Protein backbone atom coordinates (compact mmCIF):
# COMPACT_ATOMS: atom_id res chain seq x y z
CA MET A 1 -98.57 35.23 16.19
CA ARG A 2 -94.98 34.39 15.32
CA ALA A 3 -96.18 32.05 12.46
CA ILE A 4 -98.23 34.82 10.91
CA LEU A 5 -95.14 37.31 10.93
CA THR A 6 -93.17 34.43 9.56
CA VAL A 7 -95.48 33.80 6.70
CA ILE A 8 -95.89 37.64 6.13
CA TRP A 9 -92.12 38.01 5.96
CA ARG A 10 -91.98 35.15 3.67
CA LEU A 11 -94.51 36.83 1.39
CA LEU A 12 -92.82 40.02 1.51
CA ALA A 13 -89.31 38.29 0.43
CA PHE A 14 -91.21 36.80 -2.41
CA VAL A 15 -92.54 40.33 -3.43
CA GLY A 16 -89.30 42.04 -2.97
CA LYS A 17 -87.43 39.53 -5.24
CA GLU A 18 -89.95 39.76 -7.81
CA LEU A 19 -89.75 43.51 -7.99
CA VAL A 20 -85.74 43.64 -7.92
CA GLU A 21 -85.85 41.01 -10.56
CA THR A 22 -88.04 43.22 -12.77
CA LEU A 23 -86.47 46.60 -12.33
CA ARG A 24 -83.09 44.87 -13.07
CA ARG A 25 -84.41 44.44 -16.78
CA PRO A 26 -85.47 47.85 -17.66
CA GLY A 27 -86.09 46.69 -21.43
CA ALA A 28 -89.03 44.69 -20.11
CA ILE A 29 -90.72 47.36 -18.64
CA LEU A 30 -90.12 49.70 -21.31
CA SER A 31 -91.75 47.51 -23.97
CA LEU A 32 -94.47 46.37 -21.42
CA ILE A 33 -95.34 50.18 -21.04
CA LEU A 34 -94.35 52.06 -24.14
CA GLY A 35 -95.15 49.31 -26.79
CA PRO A 36 -99.03 49.30 -26.51
CA PHE A 37 -98.72 53.27 -26.26
CA LEU A 38 -96.50 53.33 -29.42
CA ILE A 39 -98.99 51.24 -31.15
CA MET A 40 -102.04 53.07 -30.40
CA ALA A 41 -100.19 56.53 -31.29
CA ILE A 42 -99.06 55.16 -34.59
CA PHE A 43 -102.64 53.80 -35.52
CA GLY A 44 -104.20 56.88 -34.46
CA ALA A 45 -101.87 59.28 -36.41
CA GLY A 46 -101.74 56.74 -39.48
CA PHE A 47 -105.27 55.88 -40.02
CA ASN A 48 -107.42 58.30 -41.91
CA GLY A 49 -110.43 56.07 -42.67
CA ILE A 50 -110.46 57.41 -46.14
CA ARG A 51 -110.68 54.54 -48.89
CA ARG A 52 -108.86 55.15 -52.16
CA GLU A 53 -110.42 55.71 -55.40
CA LEU A 54 -111.49 52.58 -57.19
CA GLU A 55 -109.95 52.69 -60.57
CA THR A 56 -112.93 52.16 -63.09
CA ILE A 57 -113.59 51.37 -66.67
CA VAL A 58 -116.87 52.48 -68.43
CA VAL A 59 -118.25 50.17 -70.99
CA VAL A 60 -120.40 52.00 -73.50
CA PRO A 61 -122.43 50.38 -76.48
CA THR A 62 -121.52 51.27 -80.22
CA SER A 63 -123.97 54.19 -80.58
CA ASP A 64 -124.05 58.00 -80.58
CA GLN A 65 -126.48 58.41 -77.66
CA LEU A 66 -123.71 58.11 -74.97
CA PRO A 67 -120.49 60.09 -74.55
CA THR A 68 -117.35 58.34 -74.69
CA GLU A 69 -115.16 61.02 -72.86
CA ALA A 70 -113.74 59.79 -69.16
CA SER A 71 -114.60 63.52 -68.09
CA ASP A 72 -117.95 63.08 -68.98
CA TYR A 73 -118.83 60.11 -66.57
CA GLN A 74 -116.41 61.17 -63.76
CA GLU A 75 -118.69 64.15 -62.98
CA LEU A 76 -121.61 61.56 -62.45
CA ALA A 77 -119.37 58.91 -60.74
CA GLY A 78 -118.43 61.14 -57.75
CA PRO A 79 -115.08 61.34 -55.79
CA ALA A 80 -115.53 57.55 -54.89
CA LEU A 81 -114.76 56.16 -58.58
CA HIS A 82 -111.85 57.19 -60.73
CA ILE A 83 -112.81 56.86 -64.30
CA ALA A 84 -109.60 55.36 -65.93
CA ASP A 85 -111.02 54.68 -69.29
CA VAL A 86 -113.99 54.34 -71.49
CA VAL A 87 -114.04 51.41 -74.07
CA GLN A 88 -116.62 49.56 -76.08
CA ASP A 89 -115.00 46.28 -75.65
CA ARG A 90 -116.66 44.56 -72.57
CA ALA A 91 -114.46 41.41 -72.75
CA GLU A 92 -111.25 43.79 -72.85
CA ALA A 93 -112.83 45.62 -69.75
CA GLU A 94 -113.24 42.25 -67.82
CA ALA A 95 -109.90 41.10 -68.61
CA ARG A 96 -108.16 44.19 -67.19
CA LEU A 97 -110.33 43.68 -64.19
CA ARG A 98 -109.02 40.28 -63.82
CA ALA A 99 -105.67 41.41 -64.22
CA GLY A 100 -105.96 43.73 -61.26
CA GLU A 101 -105.43 46.78 -63.26
CA VAL A 102 -108.80 48.25 -62.17
CA ASP A 103 -111.27 47.69 -59.47
CA VAL A 104 -114.66 48.15 -61.12
CA VAL A 105 -116.22 47.94 -64.50
CA VAL A 106 -119.04 50.13 -65.34
CA VAL A 107 -121.46 48.88 -68.20
CA ALA A 108 -123.84 51.21 -69.67
CA PRO A 109 -127.09 50.12 -70.97
CA GLU A 110 -127.56 49.86 -74.86
CA ASP A 111 -130.00 52.09 -75.60
CA PRO A 112 -131.51 53.93 -72.40
CA GLU A 113 -133.40 56.78 -74.23
CA GLY A 114 -135.45 53.80 -76.19
CA ALA A 115 -136.09 51.87 -73.09
CA PHE A 116 -137.41 55.19 -71.54
CA ARG A 117 -139.58 55.83 -74.23
CA ALA A 118 -140.88 52.28 -74.29
CA GLY A 119 -141.67 52.55 -70.67
CA LYS A 120 -138.73 50.03 -69.46
CA ARG A 121 -136.00 50.67 -67.02
CA SER A 122 -132.37 50.06 -68.39
CA THR A 123 -129.73 48.55 -66.15
CA ILE A 124 -126.22 49.51 -65.43
CA GLU A 125 -124.02 46.53 -64.71
CA ILE A 126 -121.28 46.94 -61.98
CA VAL A 127 -119.00 44.60 -62.43
CA VAL A 128 -116.42 43.53 -59.75
CA ASP A 129 -113.86 40.72 -59.04
CA GLU A 130 -114.02 40.61 -54.95
CA VAL A 131 -113.54 37.90 -52.33
CA ASP A 132 -113.97 40.60 -50.02
CA PRO A 133 -117.49 40.64 -48.59
CA VAL A 134 -117.06 44.27 -47.54
CA ALA A 135 -115.51 45.58 -50.69
CA GLU A 136 -118.33 43.87 -52.59
CA ASN A 137 -120.97 45.74 -50.54
CA TYR A 138 -118.87 48.83 -51.01
CA ALA A 139 -118.97 48.49 -54.85
CA THR A 140 -122.72 48.06 -54.67
CA ILE A 141 -123.28 51.08 -53.08
CA LEU A 142 -121.24 53.06 -55.30
CA GLY A 143 -123.17 51.53 -58.15
CA SER A 144 -126.48 52.56 -56.79
CA THR A 145 -125.13 56.09 -56.18
CA LEU A 146 -123.90 56.04 -59.84
CA ALA A 147 -127.36 54.89 -61.01
CA ASN A 148 -129.07 57.69 -58.86
CA ALA A 149 -126.94 60.35 -60.45
CA VAL A 150 -127.63 58.90 -63.75
CA ASN A 151 -131.39 59.00 -63.07
CA GLN A 152 -131.12 62.46 -62.07
CA ARG A 153 -129.40 63.58 -65.11
CA ILE A 154 -131.85 61.53 -67.50
CA ILE A 155 -135.07 63.44 -65.27
CA GLU A 156 -133.25 66.74 -65.96
CA ARG A 157 -132.93 66.26 -69.67
CA ALA A 158 -136.45 64.89 -69.94
CA VAL A 159 -137.59 68.29 -68.35
CA GLU A 160 -135.39 70.43 -70.36
CA GLU A 161 -136.77 68.85 -73.52
CA GLY A 162 -140.31 68.27 -72.33
CA GLU A 163 -142.06 69.11 -75.17
CA GLY A 164 -140.18 66.69 -77.53
CA TYR A 165 -140.83 63.91 -75.12
CA ALA A 166 -144.34 64.56 -74.89
CA LEU A 167 -144.91 64.75 -78.59
CA ALA A 168 -143.07 61.47 -78.88
CA ALA A 169 -145.49 59.97 -76.41
CA ALA A 170 -148.47 61.24 -78.31
CA GLN A 171 -147.29 59.71 -81.47
CA ALA A 172 -146.54 56.06 -79.89
CA GLN A 173 -149.91 56.08 -78.08
CA ALA A 174 -149.29 52.68 -76.74
CA SER A 175 -145.96 53.24 -75.08
CA ALA A 176 -147.38 54.69 -71.60
CA ILE A 177 -144.52 55.33 -69.24
CA PRO A 178 -144.95 53.65 -65.81
CA ALA A 179 -144.43 56.22 -62.81
CA ASP A 180 -141.54 53.89 -61.50
CA VAL A 181 -139.75 54.16 -64.66
CA VAL A 182 -140.19 57.79 -64.79
CA SER A 183 -138.80 58.44 -61.43
CA ALA A 184 -135.79 55.93 -61.91
CA PRO A 185 -135.26 55.20 -65.42
CA THR A 186 -132.01 53.01 -64.71
CA GLU A 187 -130.91 50.60 -62.01
CA ALA A 188 -127.80 49.40 -60.75
CA ARG A 189 -127.05 45.34 -60.72
CA LEU A 190 -123.69 43.89 -59.31
CA MET A 191 -121.84 40.99 -61.26
CA ASN A 192 -119.09 39.58 -59.28
CA LEU A 193 -116.41 37.74 -61.18
CA ALA A 194 -114.77 35.92 -58.50
CA PRO A 195 -114.66 32.28 -58.26
CA GLN A 196 -116.17 31.87 -55.07
CA ALA A 197 -119.08 34.09 -53.36
CA PRO A 198 -117.63 35.95 -50.71
CA THR A 199 -118.48 35.58 -47.30
CA VAL A 200 -117.06 36.50 -43.63
CA THR A 201 -115.84 32.91 -42.94
CA SER A 202 -114.40 32.19 -46.26
CA PHE A 203 -112.53 35.84 -46.41
CA PHE A 204 -111.48 36.00 -42.92
CA GLY A 205 -110.52 32.05 -42.72
CA PRO A 206 -107.23 32.47 -44.70
CA ALA A 207 -106.23 35.75 -42.61
CA VAL A 208 -106.72 33.76 -39.29
CA LEU A 209 -104.45 31.01 -40.41
CA ALA A 210 -101.53 33.49 -41.79
CA LEU A 211 -101.67 34.99 -38.12
CA ILE A 212 -101.72 31.79 -36.46
CA LEU A 213 -98.73 30.90 -38.42
CA GLN A 214 -96.82 33.98 -37.93
CA HIS A 215 -97.59 34.21 -33.84
CA LEU A 216 -96.68 30.54 -33.64
CA ALA A 217 -93.47 30.73 -35.41
CA VAL A 218 -92.42 34.18 -33.69
CA THR A 219 -93.26 32.83 -30.00
CA LEU A 220 -91.89 29.38 -30.13
CA VAL A 221 -88.24 30.26 -31.74
CA SER A 222 -87.92 33.42 -29.57
CA MET A 223 -88.69 31.66 -26.37
CA SER A 224 -86.71 28.51 -27.21
CA LEU A 225 -83.56 30.56 -28.07
CA VAL A 226 -84.05 33.18 -24.86
CA ARG A 227 -84.21 30.08 -22.83
CA GLU A 228 -80.85 28.62 -24.09
CA ARG A 229 -79.19 32.22 -23.28
CA SER A 230 -80.63 32.48 -19.80
CA SER A 231 -80.14 28.63 -18.85
CA GLY A 232 -76.58 28.69 -19.61
CA VAL A 233 -76.24 26.43 -22.84
CA MET A 234 -74.89 29.40 -24.84
CA GLU A 235 -72.19 29.39 -22.82
CA LEU A 236 -71.60 25.50 -23.85
CA PHE A 237 -71.91 26.73 -27.48
CA ARG A 238 -69.29 29.33 -27.12
CA ILE A 239 -66.53 26.46 -26.04
CA SER A 240 -67.95 24.19 -28.71
CA PRO A 241 -67.57 24.19 -32.40
CA VAL A 242 -71.08 24.87 -32.80
CA THR A 243 -71.65 28.21 -34.98
CA ALA A 244 -74.22 30.64 -34.91
CA SER A 245 -75.46 29.71 -38.20
CA GLU A 246 -75.80 26.15 -37.24
CA VAL A 247 -77.81 27.15 -34.42
CA LEU A 248 -80.04 29.33 -36.15
CA THR A 249 -80.45 26.66 -38.87
CA GLY A 250 -81.39 23.99 -36.52
CA LYS A 251 -84.22 26.32 -35.01
CA VAL A 252 -85.53 27.06 -38.41
CA LEU A 253 -85.72 23.50 -39.43
CA ALA A 254 -87.11 22.50 -36.32
CA PHE A 255 -89.87 24.98 -35.87
CA GLY A 256 -90.50 25.05 -39.64
CA LEU A 257 -91.59 21.52 -39.59
CA LEU A 258 -93.88 22.06 -36.69
CA GLY A 259 -95.53 25.29 -38.28
CA PHE A 260 -96.23 22.90 -41.65
CA VAL A 261 -97.85 20.69 -39.43
CA VAL A 262 -99.83 23.27 -37.54
CA ALA A 263 -100.78 24.67 -41.12
CA GLY A 264 -101.77 21.50 -42.53
CA LEU A 265 -104.14 20.82 -39.30
CA THR A 266 -105.79 24.17 -39.62
CA MET A 267 -106.24 23.88 -43.26
CA VAL A 268 -108.42 20.69 -42.73
CA LEU A 269 -110.31 22.41 -39.94
CA LEU A 270 -110.82 25.46 -42.17
CA VAL A 271 -112.14 23.43 -45.10
CA ASN A 272 -114.05 20.51 -43.65
CA VAL A 273 -115.23 22.32 -40.50
CA LEU A 274 -116.12 25.66 -41.31
CA GLY A 275 -116.66 25.01 -45.05
CA VAL A 276 -113.94 27.59 -46.22
CA PRO A 277 -113.35 26.84 -49.81
CA SER A 278 -109.83 26.42 -51.31
CA ILE A 279 -109.10 26.13 -54.75
CA ALA A 280 -105.43 26.64 -54.71
CA ASP A 281 -102.89 23.85 -56.12
CA THR A 282 -100.82 22.29 -53.29
CA GLY A 283 -97.28 23.48 -54.34
CA SER A 284 -98.74 27.15 -54.27
CA LEU A 285 -99.95 26.74 -50.77
CA ALA A 286 -96.79 24.92 -49.52
CA LEU A 287 -94.67 27.96 -51.08
CA VAL A 288 -96.70 30.58 -49.20
CA PHE A 289 -96.39 28.66 -45.97
CA GLY A 290 -92.70 27.98 -46.43
CA LEU A 291 -91.92 31.70 -47.11
CA LEU A 292 -94.63 32.95 -44.26
CA LEU A 293 -92.89 30.32 -41.73
CA LEU A 294 -89.36 31.46 -42.78
CA ALA A 295 -89.84 35.17 -42.56
CA SER A 296 -91.64 34.79 -39.36
CA LEU A 297 -88.92 32.58 -37.84
CA GLY A 298 -86.42 35.15 -38.84
CA LEU A 299 -88.44 37.83 -37.04
CA GLY A 300 -88.62 35.58 -33.92
CA LEU A 301 -85.01 34.90 -33.71
CA LEU A 302 -84.36 38.67 -34.14
CA ILE A 303 -86.63 39.29 -31.31
CA ALA A 304 -84.74 36.57 -29.15
CA VAL A 305 -81.00 38.06 -29.51
CA VAL A 306 -82.33 41.60 -28.79
CA SER A 307 -84.49 40.51 -25.56
CA ASP A 308 -82.66 40.34 -22.31
CA SER A 309 -85.03 37.68 -20.82
CA GLU A 310 -88.13 35.50 -21.34
CA ARG A 311 -90.39 38.03 -20.14
CA GLN A 312 -89.26 40.79 -22.54
CA ALA A 313 -89.39 38.35 -25.58
CA VAL A 314 -92.89 37.41 -24.91
CA GLN A 315 -93.82 41.08 -24.51
CA LEU A 316 -92.45 41.67 -27.99
CA ALA A 317 -93.89 38.54 -29.27
CA LEU A 318 -97.22 39.88 -27.90
CA LEU A 319 -96.42 43.45 -29.37
CA THR A 320 -95.91 41.89 -32.77
CA LEU A 321 -99.27 40.30 -32.57
CA LEU A 322 -101.05 43.27 -31.71
CA ALA A 323 -99.27 45.42 -34.54
CA SER A 324 -100.27 42.66 -36.92
CA VAL A 325 -104.02 42.56 -35.74
CA PHE A 326 -104.03 46.60 -36.33
CA PHE A 327 -101.88 47.15 -39.59
CA SER A 328 -101.76 44.07 -41.43
CA GLY A 329 -104.99 44.28 -43.36
CA PHE A 330 -106.56 41.46 -40.99
CA VAL A 331 -109.44 43.93 -39.94
CA LEU A 332 -109.02 47.16 -41.81
CA SER A 333 -107.50 47.75 -45.33
CA ILE A 334 -104.05 48.87 -45.79
CA ASP A 335 -105.20 51.52 -48.20
CA GLN A 336 -106.71 53.40 -45.48
CA PHE A 337 -103.42 54.35 -43.58
CA THR A 338 -100.99 56.94 -44.45
CA PRO A 339 -97.86 55.99 -46.73
CA PRO A 340 -95.51 55.77 -43.60
CA VAL A 341 -97.82 53.37 -41.46
CA ARG A 342 -98.33 51.42 -44.90
CA ALA A 343 -94.41 50.76 -45.10
CA LEU A 344 -94.77 49.34 -41.55
CA ALA A 345 -97.34 47.16 -42.16
CA TYR A 346 -95.37 45.62 -45.44
CA ALA A 347 -92.60 44.94 -43.01
CA LEU A 348 -94.65 42.31 -41.27
CA PRO A 349 -94.66 38.81 -42.65
CA VAL A 350 -98.25 38.07 -42.01
CA THR A 351 -99.34 41.19 -44.08
CA HIS A 352 -98.05 39.43 -47.02
CA GLY A 353 -99.10 36.08 -46.12
CA ILE A 354 -102.85 36.98 -45.35
CA ARG A 355 -103.20 38.64 -49.03
CA LEU A 356 -101.32 35.66 -50.95
CA LEU A 357 -103.81 33.03 -48.94
CA GLN A 358 -106.69 34.85 -49.72
CA ASP A 359 -105.80 35.02 -53.46
CA LEU A 360 -104.76 31.21 -53.60
CA MET A 361 -107.66 29.88 -51.46
CA LEU A 362 -110.33 31.84 -53.06
CA ARG A 363 -109.37 32.74 -56.55
CA GLY A 364 -106.68 29.90 -57.31
CA THR A 365 -103.92 32.56 -58.73
CA THR A 366 -102.79 36.02 -57.56
CA ASN A 367 -101.87 39.01 -59.36
CA ASN A 368 -99.57 40.18 -56.38
CA LEU A 369 -96.39 38.28 -57.20
CA TRP A 370 -94.25 40.61 -55.62
CA GLU A 371 -95.74 39.50 -52.53
CA PHE A 372 -93.32 36.37 -52.56
CA GLY A 373 -90.48 38.60 -53.12
CA ALA A 374 -91.35 40.69 -50.04
CA LEU A 375 -91.61 37.67 -47.74
CA VAL A 376 -88.16 36.49 -49.11
CA ALA A 377 -86.72 40.05 -48.53
CA ILE A 378 -88.18 40.03 -44.77
CA ALA A 379 -86.50 36.40 -44.20
CA ALA A 380 -83.32 37.68 -45.50
CA VAL A 381 -83.01 40.74 -43.46
CA THR A 382 -84.20 39.39 -40.21
CA LEU A 383 -82.18 36.07 -40.45
CA VAL A 384 -78.90 38.04 -41.50
CA ALA A 385 -79.51 40.44 -38.90
CA ALA A 386 -80.36 37.74 -36.07
CA TRP A 387 -77.18 35.53 -37.33
CA ALA A 388 -75.04 38.66 -36.97
CA LEU A 389 -76.24 39.44 -33.40
CA LEU A 390 -75.94 36.06 -32.00
CA ARG A 391 -72.66 35.48 -33.72
CA ARG A 392 -71.47 38.43 -31.76
CA ASN A 393 -72.85 37.30 -28.49
CA MET A 394 -71.31 33.90 -28.69
CA ARG A 395 -68.05 35.36 -29.20
CA THR A 396 -68.29 37.60 -26.15
CA ALA A 397 -66.54 35.79 -23.42
């Protein structure tokens, strides 16, 4: 009986020790409870689920059959497409599409009325430049909706001018119009200019790589610095000639090298095992990896200097991962969030890493050069803040 009571007493002692140790660190409790709740609250308040209007150029042939004013096509396009311009040069429109100025190019048929009279269906081409399979399907749906609107307009016009069409049909006895052409004079056909056909694996592969690199850098460097603070190594740094900048530079170089190794191995697996295409040059990929790791390491060091224990550092790293999954564009497009939440998303290194890796690996180039500057800015702010806080801590006796 005494042995059982002794075991129970020891267990209660361990329980009490853990509870007291946890209660002594209120920051860990607050981050554990309030962190996920705050992320979900921001997500619920900031996600509206509304896609932005797709900027669209309409290409019309050189003829007097079709209108040339954007307002005429806007009525047919509906609220999902914004008709930015109406041009006659298809090459010009596709060049603007590749440059990222617009999202969709709609190419009108050459002679829709003549094709209808001849009993043939006209084709409305919907041209996009997308590596996202969801965006490609969305453009297909919009194209079909536009074709249906055009069909309705043609049928209405045929009813209004029924006598003229009947007379023309009687004079051209051989051109009997099939019923399917009468019911749907036009059809939509999608053309994707992207170098790689969009698939789920090819699109999300680079996103997973960016997420892995950020989480790896944030977790490892934050745990390393917090462990040194809690083990007493930082006390030795205070009485030694080692400076805060040297400590941070050493950690950035060490974990940056480790991150490059992980990035290289993951790229090999993505390309050779999962079949994710990559047409980017090595230099561009190395630059993105370097800036993404530098910004992520800066974020991890900042987490380390504001954490009071390893437990809190792990919690903050996991909250960063959770926020990255929700807000970085990994699953949901950033355009579907309100502007304040969008600003929060752009403060995460992985947001820019995902877009740059997807563009470089699947297109070979990117129109979003500002994303490089954003990674540099995130790295500069977080590293300077971490250096200032660590320098103050090392001077504190």
